[in-house]
Amino acid sequence: MFIDEAKIRVKAGDGGNGCMAFRREKFVPRGGPSGGDGGHGGDVLISSSLSHNTLVHFRFNPEHKAERGGHGLGSNMSGAAGEHLTLKVPVGTLLYDDATGELVHDFNRPNQTIVVARGGAVAAATSTSQPALTRPRASTSWAAPERSAATAWNCACWPTPAWSATPTSASPR
């Protein structure tokens, strides 16, 4: 039996930084905050596909990273969300967590999709803070964006016929 294995490392996109900005207009005293939030980081998804039959595209490119979120801008403009990254695997692929060795998912049907790394959250901006008149004069600490951790996965391809509805057997580890 043909068995194909590949070890990949995935990282979701980090959340974008918030913007610290204040309104400044001629006839508006103490204009107030006007900074925008950062954008959400992109997720990493793995999807089964009938058009793929090996994991060779993972063997020579083992690291995959989703796009990070855009930074917030002035005038209460939020940053752009990061693009999601979808990795295609053949039907019959078994996905294992590399650290624990446990089976995460069995792709036994086409078009199954799971999220393996969730993108980072946004960072708060000055517009989400206190109103301008009640804000203390001392400097306040702003929230840092949530960082996503890199995760290693071990993919083993156990080919099963596409017409078979039976799940694949467990790995002989």
N, C-alpha and C. Protein backbone atom coordinates (compact mmCIF):
# COMPACT_ATOMS: atom_id res chain seq x y z
N MET A 1 0.84 -1.19 0.00
CA MET A 1 0.00 0.00 0.00
C MET A 1 0.88 1.24 0.00
N PHE A 2 0.51 2.22 -0.77
CA PHE A 2 1.24 3.49 -0.86
C PHE A 2 0.86 4.38 0.31
N ILE A 3 1.86 4.76 1.10
CA ILE A 3 1.62 5.65 2.23
C ILE A 3 2.48 6.88 2.04
N ASP A 4 1.85 8.04 2.11
CA ASP A 4 2.53 9.31 1.92
C ASP A 4 2.45 10.08 3.22
N GLU A 5 3.59 10.60 3.69
CA GLU A 5 3.59 11.37 4.93
C GLU A 5 4.29 12.69 4.70
N ALA A 6 3.83 13.71 5.41
CA ALA A 6 4.46 15.02 5.38
C ALA A 6 4.24 15.70 6.71
N LYS A 7 5.26 16.37 7.20
CA LYS A 7 5.15 17.13 8.44
C LYS A 7 5.12 18.61 8.06
N ILE A 8 4.07 19.30 8.50
CA ILE A 8 3.94 20.72 8.16
C ILE A 8 3.84 21.54 9.43
N ARG A 9 4.12 22.82 9.28
CA ARG A 9 4.03 23.77 10.38
C ARG A 9 3.14 24.91 9.90
N VAL A 10 2.10 25.21 10.66
CA VAL A 10 1.17 26.26 10.27
C VAL A 10 1.14 27.34 11.33
N LYS A 11 0.87 28.57 10.88
CA LYS A 11 0.74 29.70 11.80
C LYS A 11 -0.36 30.60 11.30
N ALA A 12 -1.31 30.89 12.15
CA ALA A 12 -2.39 31.81 11.80
C ALA A 12 -1.86 33.24 11.82
N GLY A 13 -2.56 34.13 11.16
CA GLY A 13 -2.15 35.53 11.12
C GLY A 13 -2.38 36.23 12.44
N ASP A 14 -1.48 37.10 12.81
CA ASP A 14 -1.63 37.89 14.02
C ASP A 14 -2.67 38.97 13.80
N GLY A 15 -3.27 39.44 14.88
CA GLY A 15 -4.20 40.56 14.79
C GLY A 15 -3.44 41.86 14.57
N GLY A 16 -4.05 42.80 13.87
CA GLY A 16 -3.39 44.08 13.59
C GLY A 16 -3.36 44.98 14.82
N ASN A 17 -2.43 45.89 14.83
CA ASN A 17 -2.31 46.85 15.93
C ASN A 17 -3.38 47.93 15.81
N GLY A 18 -3.85 48.41 16.94
CA GLY A 18 -4.79 49.51 16.95
C GLY A 18 -4.07 50.83 16.73
N CYS A 19 -4.81 51.85 16.37
CA CYS A 19 -4.22 53.16 16.11
C CYS A 19 -4.55 54.11 17.26
N MET A 20 -3.57 54.88 17.67
CA MET A 20 -3.77 55.88 18.71
C MET A 20 -3.81 57.24 18.04
N ALA A 21 -5.00 57.78 17.87
CA ALA A 21 -5.17 59.06 17.20
C ALA A 21 -6.25 59.87 17.92
N PHE A 22 -6.16 61.19 17.79
CA PHE A 22 -7.13 62.08 18.42
C PHE A 22 -7.63 63.09 17.39
N ARG A 23 -8.92 63.39 17.48
CA ARG A 23 -9.51 64.39 16.58
C ARG A 23 -8.94 65.76 16.90
N ARG A 24 -8.64 66.51 15.87
CA ARG A 24 -8.19 67.89 16.05
C ARG A 24 -8.93 68.75 15.05
N GLU A 25 -9.86 69.52 15.55
CA GLU A 25 -10.62 70.43 14.71
C GLU A 25 -10.57 71.81 15.34
N LYS A 26 -10.73 72.81 14.51
CA LYS A 26 -10.54 74.19 14.95
C LYS A 26 -11.51 74.58 16.05
N PHE A 27 -12.78 74.29 15.89
CA PHE A 27 -13.78 74.76 16.85
C PHE A 27 -14.30 73.65 17.77
N VAL A 28 -13.57 72.56 17.89
CA VAL A 28 -13.96 71.47 18.78
C VAL A 28 -12.88 71.33 19.85
N PRO A 29 -13.13 71.89 21.04
CA PRO A 29 -12.13 71.75 22.09
C PRO A 29 -12.10 70.31 22.59
N ARG A 30 -10.93 69.81 22.88
CA ARG A 30 -10.75 68.44 23.36
C ARG A 30 -11.50 67.47 22.44
N GLY A 31 -11.08 67.41 21.23
CA GLY A 31 -11.77 66.65 20.18
C GLY A 31 -12.10 65.21 20.49
N GLY A 32 -11.29 64.51 21.23
CA GLY A 32 -11.60 63.13 21.57
C GLY A 32 -10.84 62.12 20.73
N PRO A 33 -10.97 60.87 21.07
CA PRO A 33 -10.24 59.82 20.36
C PRO A 33 -10.83 59.54 18.99
N SER A 34 -9.97 59.15 18.05
CA SER A 34 -10.46 58.79 16.72
C SER A 34 -9.64 57.66 16.10
N GLY A 35 -9.02 56.83 16.91
CA GLY A 35 -8.21 55.73 16.38
C GLY A 35 -9.06 54.51 16.09
N GLY A 36 -8.65 53.74 15.09
CA GLY A 36 -9.40 52.54 14.71
C GLY A 36 -8.75 51.27 15.23
N ASP A 37 -9.54 50.22 15.34
CA ASP A 37 -9.05 48.92 15.79
C ASP A 37 -8.25 48.26 14.68
N GLY A 38 -7.39 47.32 15.06
CA GLY A 38 -6.66 46.53 14.07
C GLY A 38 -7.56 45.47 13.48
N GLY A 39 -7.12 44.85 12.39
CA GLY A 39 -7.91 43.82 11.73
C GLY A 39 -7.64 42.44 12.30
N HIS A 40 -8.58 41.53 12.10
CA HIS A 40 -8.43 40.14 12.53
C HIS A 40 -7.38 39.45 11.68
N GLY A 41 -6.62 38.54 12.29
CA GLY A 41 -5.67 37.73 11.54
C GLY A 41 -6.37 36.62 10.79
N GLY A 42 -5.76 36.14 9.71
CA GLY A 42 -6.35 35.07 8.91
C GLY A 42 -6.22 33.71 9.57
N ASP A 43 -7.19 32.84 9.30
CA ASP A 43 -7.19 31.47 9.81
C ASP A 43 -6.46 30.55 8.82
N VAL A 44 -5.99 29.41 9.33
CA VAL A 44 -5.43 28.37 8.48
C VAL A 44 -6.42 27.21 8.49
N LEU A 45 -6.91 26.85 7.29
CA LEU A 45 -7.88 25.78 7.14
C LEU A 45 -7.26 24.65 6.33
N ILE A 46 -7.66 23.42 6.61
CA ILE A 46 -7.25 22.28 5.80
C ILE A 46 -8.53 21.66 5.23
N SER A 47 -8.52 21.44 3.93
CA SER A 47 -9.70 20.95 3.23
C SER A 47 -9.32 19.74 2.37
N SER A 48 -10.21 18.74 2.33
CA SER A 48 -9.97 17.57 1.49
C SER A 48 -10.45 17.85 0.07
N SER A 49 -9.73 17.29 -0.89
CA SER A 49 -10.02 17.56 -2.30
C SER A 49 -9.82 16.30 -3.13
N LEU A 50 -10.70 16.12 -4.10
CA LEU A 50 -10.55 14.98 -5.01
C LEU A 50 -9.49 15.24 -6.07
N SER A 51 -9.11 16.50 -6.28
CA SER A 51 -8.13 16.82 -7.32
C SER A 51 -6.69 16.61 -6.86
N HIS A 52 -6.47 16.32 -5.59
CA HIS A 52 -5.13 16.02 -5.09
C HIS A 52 -5.04 14.53 -4.77
N ASN A 53 -3.87 13.94 -5.03
CA ASN A 53 -3.71 12.53 -4.71
C ASN A 53 -2.45 12.22 -3.92
N THR A 54 -1.59 13.21 -3.67
CA THR A 54 -0.39 13.01 -2.84
C THR A 54 -0.19 14.23 -1.96
N LEU A 55 0.75 14.09 -1.03
CA LEU A 55 1.13 15.20 -0.15
C LEU A 55 2.47 15.80 -0.55
N VAL A 56 2.87 15.61 -1.80
CA VAL A 56 4.18 16.07 -2.24
C VAL A 56 4.30 17.59 -2.18
N HIS A 57 3.21 18.31 -2.33
CA HIS A 57 3.29 19.77 -2.26
C HIS A 57 3.56 20.25 -0.84
N PHE A 58 3.38 19.40 0.18
CA PHE A 58 3.74 19.75 1.55
C PHE A 58 5.17 19.34 1.88
N ARG A 59 5.68 18.34 1.21
CA ARG A 59 7.02 17.85 1.53
C ARG A 59 8.10 18.89 1.25
N PHE A 60 7.96 19.65 0.19
CA PHE A 60 8.98 20.62 -0.18
C PHE A 60 8.64 22.04 0.24
N ASN A 61 7.46 22.23 0.82
CA ASN A 61 7.06 23.53 1.34
C ASN A 61 6.35 23.28 2.67
N PRO A 62 7.10 23.02 3.76
CA PRO A 62 6.47 22.58 5.00
C PRO A 62 5.89 23.69 5.88
N GLU A 63 6.19 24.95 5.61
CA GLU A 63 5.71 26.02 6.47
C GLU A 63 4.66 26.85 5.74
N HIS A 64 3.52 27.06 6.43
CA HIS A 64 2.42 27.80 5.84
C HIS A 64 1.93 28.82 6.86
N LYS A 65 1.75 30.06 6.40
CA LYS A 65 1.40 31.15 7.29
C LYS A 65 0.26 31.97 6.68
N ALA A 66 -0.77 32.24 7.47
CA ALA A 66 -1.88 33.07 7.01
C ALA A 66 -1.48 34.54 7.14
N GLU A 67 -2.23 35.40 6.49
CA GLU A 67 -1.94 36.83 6.47
C GLU A 67 -2.34 37.49 7.79
N ARG A 68 -1.55 38.43 8.23
CA ARG A 68 -1.87 39.16 9.46
C ARG A 68 -2.89 40.24 9.18
N GLY A 69 -3.57 40.70 10.22
CA GLY A 69 -4.56 41.76 10.08
C GLY A 69 -3.89 43.11 9.87
N GLY A 70 -4.57 44.01 9.19
CA GLY A 70 -4.04 45.35 8.94
C GLY A 70 -4.11 46.21 10.19
N HIS A 71 -3.28 47.23 10.23
CA HIS A 71 -3.27 48.14 11.36
C HIS A 71 -4.47 49.09 11.27
N GLY A 72 -4.94 49.54 12.43
CA GLY A 72 -6.02 50.51 12.46
C GLY A 72 -5.51 51.87 11.96
N LEU A 73 -6.43 52.70 11.53
CA LEU A 73 -6.09 54.02 11.00
C LEU A 73 -6.85 55.10 11.77
N GLY A 74 -6.52 56.34 11.54
CA GLY A 74 -7.25 57.45 12.14
C GLY A 74 -8.66 57.54 11.59
N SER A 75 -9.45 58.44 12.10
CA SER A 75 -10.86 58.64 11.71
C SER A 75 -11.69 57.38 11.95
N ASN A 76 -11.38 56.65 13.02
CA ASN A 76 -12.11 55.44 13.42
C ASN A 76 -12.15 54.36 12.34
N MET A 77 -11.12 54.27 11.51
CA MET A 77 -11.08 53.25 10.47
C MET A 77 -10.36 52.01 10.99
N SER A 78 -11.05 50.88 10.91
CA SER A 78 -10.47 49.61 11.34
C SER A 78 -9.52 49.07 10.28
N GLY A 79 -8.59 48.24 10.70
CA GLY A 79 -7.68 47.60 9.75
C GLY A 79 -8.35 46.48 8.99
N ALA A 80 -7.79 46.14 7.86
CA ALA A 80 -8.33 45.06 7.03
C ALA A 80 -8.09 43.71 7.69
N ALA A 81 -9.01 42.80 7.49
CA ALA A 81 -8.85 41.43 8.01
C ALA A 81 -7.86 40.67 7.14
N GLY A 82 -7.08 39.79 7.75
CA GLY A 82 -6.12 38.99 7.00
C GLY A 82 -6.81 37.91 6.18
N GLU A 83 -6.19 37.53 5.06
CA GLU A 83 -6.74 36.48 4.19
C GLU A 83 -6.59 35.11 4.86
N HIS A 84 -7.62 34.30 4.75
CA HIS A 84 -7.54 32.93 5.24
C HIS A 84 -6.70 32.09 4.28
N LEU A 85 -5.98 31.12 4.81
CA LEU A 85 -5.15 30.24 4.01
C LEU A 85 -5.77 28.84 4.04
N THR A 86 -6.10 28.31 2.85
CA THR A 86 -6.69 26.98 2.76
C THR A 86 -5.69 26.03 2.14
N LEU A 87 -5.37 24.96 2.85
CA LEU A 87 -4.45 23.93 2.38
C LEU A 87 -5.27 22.73 1.92
N LYS A 88 -5.00 22.24 0.72
CA LYS A 88 -5.74 21.12 0.15
C LYS A 88 -4.98 19.82 0.39
N VAL A 89 -5.70 18.81 0.86
CA VAL A 89 -5.13 17.48 1.06
C VAL A 89 -6.00 16.47 0.33
N PRO A 90 -5.44 15.31 -0.03
CA PRO A 90 -6.26 14.30 -0.70
C PRO A 90 -7.25 13.63 0.27
N VAL A 91 -8.30 13.09 -0.29
CA VAL A 91 -9.26 12.33 0.50
C VAL A 91 -8.55 11.10 1.05
N GLY A 92 -8.75 10.79 2.32
CA GLY A 92 -8.07 9.67 2.97
C GLY A 92 -6.90 10.11 3.82
N THR A 93 -6.69 11.41 3.97
CA THR A 93 -5.58 11.91 4.77
C THR A 93 -5.96 11.91 6.25
N LEU A 94 -5.02 11.47 7.07
CA LEU A 94 -5.18 11.52 8.51
C LEU A 94 -4.30 12.64 9.05
N LEU A 95 -4.86 13.50 9.88
CA LEU A 95 -4.13 14.64 10.43
C LEU A 95 -3.84 14.38 11.90
N TYR A 96 -2.56 14.39 12.25
CA TYR A 96 -2.13 14.14 13.62
C TYR A 96 -1.50 15.39 14.21
N ASP A 97 -1.68 15.57 15.53
CA ASP A 97 -0.96 16.61 16.25
C ASP A 97 0.45 16.09 16.49
N ASP A 98 1.45 16.86 16.09
CA ASP A 98 2.83 16.38 16.18
C ASP A 98 3.32 16.30 17.62
N ALA A 99 2.81 17.15 18.49
CA ALA A 99 3.28 17.15 19.88
C ALA A 99 2.74 15.96 20.66
N THR A 100 1.46 15.65 20.50
CA THR A 100 0.85 14.58 21.29
C THR A 100 0.70 13.27 20.53
N GLY A 101 0.71 13.32 19.21
CA GLY A 101 0.54 12.13 18.41
C GLY A 101 -0.90 11.69 18.25
N GLU A 102 -1.85 12.46 18.76
CA GLU A 102 -3.25 12.06 18.66
C GLU A 102 -3.84 12.45 17.31
N LEU A 103 -4.82 11.68 16.88
CA LEU A 103 -5.51 11.92 15.63
C LEU A 103 -6.41 13.14 15.78
N VAL A 104 -6.21 14.15 14.92
CA VAL A 104 -7.01 15.36 14.97
C VAL A 104 -8.24 15.22 14.07
N HIS A 105 -8.02 14.76 12.84
CA HIS A 105 -9.14 14.62 11.92
C HIS A 105 -8.82 13.59 10.85
N ASP A 106 -9.86 12.92 10.39
CA ASP A 106 -9.77 11.95 9.30
C ASP A 106 -10.57 12.50 8.13
N PHE A 107 -9.88 12.86 7.06
CA PHE A 107 -10.54 13.39 5.87
C PHE A 107 -10.99 12.22 5.00
N ASN A 108 -12.16 11.63 5.30
CA ASN A 108 -12.62 10.46 4.58
C ASN A 108 -13.64 10.79 3.49
N ARG A 109 -14.04 12.03 3.37
CA ARG A 109 -14.97 12.47 2.32
C ARG A 109 -14.44 13.73 1.67
N PRO A 110 -14.79 14.00 0.43
CA PRO A 110 -14.33 15.23 -0.22
C PRO A 110 -15.00 16.47 0.39
N ASN A 111 -14.29 17.56 0.28
CA ASN A 111 -14.77 18.89 0.70
C ASN A 111 -15.01 19.00 2.20
N GLN A 112 -14.30 18.24 3.00
CA GLN A 112 -14.33 18.43 4.45
C GLN A 112 -13.31 19.50 4.79
N THR A 113 -13.70 20.44 5.65
CA THR A 113 -12.81 21.54 6.01
C THR A 113 -12.79 21.70 7.51
N ILE A 114 -11.58 21.86 8.07
CA ILE A 114 -11.44 22.15 9.50
C ILE A 114 -10.49 23.33 9.66
N VAL A 115 -10.64 24.04 10.76
CA VAL A 115 -9.74 25.15 11.10
C VAL A 115 -8.67 24.58 12.01
N VAL A 116 -7.41 24.66 11.59
CA VAL A 116 -6.32 24.12 12.40
C VAL A 116 -5.59 25.21 13.19
N ALA A 117 -5.73 26.46 12.77
CA ALA A 117 -5.13 27.57 13.51
C ALA A 117 -6.03 28.79 13.34
N ARG A 118 -6.52 29.32 14.44
CA ARG A 118 -7.43 30.46 14.43
C ARG A 118 -6.61 31.75 14.46
N GLY A 119 -7.01 32.72 13.64
CA GLY A 119 -6.30 34.00 13.55
C GLY A 119 -6.40 34.82 14.82
N GLY A 120 -5.44 35.72 15.01
CA GLY A 120 -5.38 36.55 16.19
C GLY A 120 -6.49 37.59 16.22
N ALA A 121 -6.84 38.02 17.42
CA ALA A 121 -7.88 39.02 17.61
C ALA A 121 -7.31 40.43 17.37
N VAL A 122 -8.20 41.38 17.31
CA VAL A 122 -7.79 42.76 17.05
C VAL A 122 -7.26 43.41 18.32
N ALA A 123 -6.50 44.47 18.15
CA ALA A 123 -6.04 45.26 19.28
C ALA A 123 -6.93 46.49 19.39
N ALA A 124 -7.26 46.86 20.60
CA ALA A 124 -8.14 48.00 20.83
C ALA A 124 -7.44 49.30 20.47
N ALA A 125 -8.21 50.26 20.06
CA ALA A 125 -7.68 51.56 19.68
C ALA A 125 -8.14 52.61 20.69
N THR A 126 -7.77 53.86 20.45
CA THR A 126 -8.15 54.93 21.37
C THR A 126 -9.63 55.22 21.35
N SER A 127 -10.32 54.91 20.26
CA SER A 127 -11.75 55.20 20.21
C SER A 127 -12.54 54.27 21.11
N THR A 128 -11.98 53.14 21.52
CA THR A 128 -12.68 52.24 22.41
C THR A 128 -12.36 52.54 23.87
N SER A 129 -11.57 53.56 24.11
CA SER A 129 -11.21 53.91 25.48
C SER A 129 -12.26 54.86 26.04
N GLN A 130 -11.94 55.50 27.15
CA GLN A 130 -12.87 56.40 27.81
C GLN A 130 -13.12 57.65 26.97
N PRO A 131 -14.25 58.33 27.20
CA PRO A 131 -14.49 59.59 26.50
C PRO A 131 -13.41 60.61 26.82
N ALA A 132 -13.25 61.60 25.96
CA ALA A 132 -12.17 62.56 26.09
C ALA A 132 -12.25 63.38 27.37
N LEU A 133 -13.44 63.70 27.85
CA LEU A 133 -13.55 64.56 29.03
C LEU A 133 -13.26 63.81 30.32
N THR A 134 -13.46 62.51 30.36
CA THR A 134 -13.24 61.75 31.59
C THR A 134 -11.94 60.97 31.59
N ARG A 135 -11.19 61.02 30.50
CA ARG A 135 -9.95 60.27 30.43
C ARG A 135 -8.90 60.92 31.33
N PRO A 136 -8.17 60.13 32.11
CA PRO A 136 -7.11 60.72 32.95
C PRO A 136 -5.97 61.26 32.09
N ARG A 137 -5.27 62.22 32.62
CA ARG A 137 -4.16 62.84 31.90
C ARG A 137 -2.96 61.91 31.81
N ALA A 138 -2.82 61.02 32.77
CA ALA A 138 -1.67 60.11 32.75
C ALA A 138 -1.80 59.14 31.59
N SER A 139 -0.68 58.63 31.17
CA SER A 139 -0.68 57.69 30.05
C SER A 139 -1.33 56.38 30.49
N THR A 140 -2.13 55.82 29.60
CA THR A 140 -2.78 54.54 29.89
C THR A 140 -2.13 53.46 29.04
N SER A 141 -2.22 52.23 29.49
CA SER A 141 -1.64 51.15 28.70
C SER A 141 -2.70 50.61 27.75
N TRP A 142 -2.32 50.42 26.48
CA TRP A 142 -3.25 49.93 25.47
C TRP A 142 -3.03 48.45 25.30
N ALA A 143 -4.08 47.76 24.92
CA ALA A 143 -4.01 46.31 24.76
C ALA A 143 -3.16 45.95 23.55
N ALA A 144 -2.30 44.97 23.73
CA ALA A 144 -1.49 44.48 22.62
C ALA A 144 -2.33 43.48 21.82
N PRO A 145 -2.07 43.37 20.53
CA PRO A 145 -2.84 42.41 19.74
C PRO A 145 -2.56 40.98 20.16
N GLU A 146 -3.55 40.13 19.99
CA GLU A 146 -3.38 38.72 20.33
C GLU A 146 -2.49 38.07 19.30
N ARG A 147 -1.50 37.34 19.75
CA ARG A 147 -0.57 36.66 18.85
C ARG A 147 -0.98 35.20 18.74
N SER A 148 -0.88 34.67 17.56
CA SER A 148 -1.23 33.27 17.37
C SER A 148 0.04 32.43 17.39
N ALA A 149 -0.05 31.27 17.99
CA ALA A 149 1.12 30.41 18.11
C ALA A 149 1.24 29.50 16.89
N ALA A 150 2.47 29.17 16.55
CA ALA A 150 2.71 28.23 15.45
C ALA A 150 2.45 26.82 15.94
N THR A 151 1.90 26.00 15.08
CA THR A 151 1.56 24.63 15.43
C THR A 151 2.13 23.68 14.39
N ALA A 152 2.65 22.56 14.82
CA ALA A 152 3.18 21.56 13.90
C ALA A 152 2.17 20.44 13.77
N TRP A 153 1.94 19.98 12.54
CA TRP A 153 1.00 18.91 12.25
C TRP A 153 1.70 17.86 11.41
N ASN A 154 1.31 16.62 11.59
CA ASN A 154 1.84 15.52 10.81
C ASN A 154 0.69 14.96 9.98
N CYS A 155 0.81 15.05 8.66
CA CYS A 155 -0.23 14.56 7.76
C CYS A 155 0.21 13.22 7.19
N ALA A 156 -0.64 12.23 7.28
CA ALA A 156 -0.37 10.93 6.67
C ALA A 156 -1.50 10.64 5.70
N CYS A 157 -1.15 10.36 4.46
CA CYS A 157 -2.14 10.10 3.44
C CYS A 157 -2.32 8.60 3.28
N TRP A 158 -3.48 8.11 3.63
CA TRP A 158 -3.85 6.71 3.46
C TRP A 158 -4.91 6.69 2.38
N PRO A 159 -4.53 6.50 1.14
CA PRO A 159 -5.51 6.64 0.06
C PRO A 159 -6.63 5.61 0.17
N THR A 160 -7.84 6.12 0.06
CA THR A 160 -9.02 5.27 -0.02
C THR A 160 -9.75 5.66 -1.29
N PRO A 161 -10.44 4.72 -1.91
CA PRO A 161 -11.18 5.08 -3.11
C PRO A 161 -12.22 6.15 -2.80
N ALA A 162 -12.41 7.07 -3.71
CA ALA A 162 -13.35 8.17 -3.50
C ALA A 162 -14.78 7.66 -3.38
N TRP A 163 -15.07 6.49 -3.95
CA TRP A 163 -16.43 5.97 -3.90
C TRP A 163 -16.71 5.20 -2.61
N SER A 164 -15.68 4.96 -1.81
CA SER A 164 -15.86 4.21 -0.57
C SER A 164 -16.37 5.13 0.53
N ALA A 165 -17.38 4.69 1.25
CA ALA A 165 -17.94 5.50 2.34
C ALA A 165 -17.38 5.07 3.68
N THR A 166 -16.51 4.05 3.70
CA THR A 166 -15.97 3.58 4.97
C THR A 166 -14.80 4.45 5.39
N PRO A 167 -14.70 4.77 6.68
CA PRO A 167 -13.56 5.58 7.14
C PRO A 167 -12.27 4.78 7.04
N THR A 168 -11.16 5.50 6.97
CA THR A 168 -9.86 4.85 6.87
C THR A 168 -9.46 4.30 8.22
N SER A 169 -8.57 3.33 8.22
CA SER A 169 -8.14 2.71 9.46
C SER A 169 -7.17 3.62 10.18
N ALA A 170 -6.96 3.37 11.45
CA ALA A 170 -6.04 4.17 12.26
C ALA A 170 -4.61 3.92 11.82
N SER A 171 -3.76 4.85 12.16
CA SER A 171 -2.35 4.76 11.79
C SER A 171 -1.65 3.68 12.60
N PRO A 172 -0.74 2.90 11.99
CA PRO A 172 -0.02 1.86 12.72
C PRO A 172 1.19 2.44 13.44
N ARG A 173 0.99 3.40 14.30
CA ARG A 173 2.11 4.05 15.00
C ARG A 173 2.57 3.21 16.13
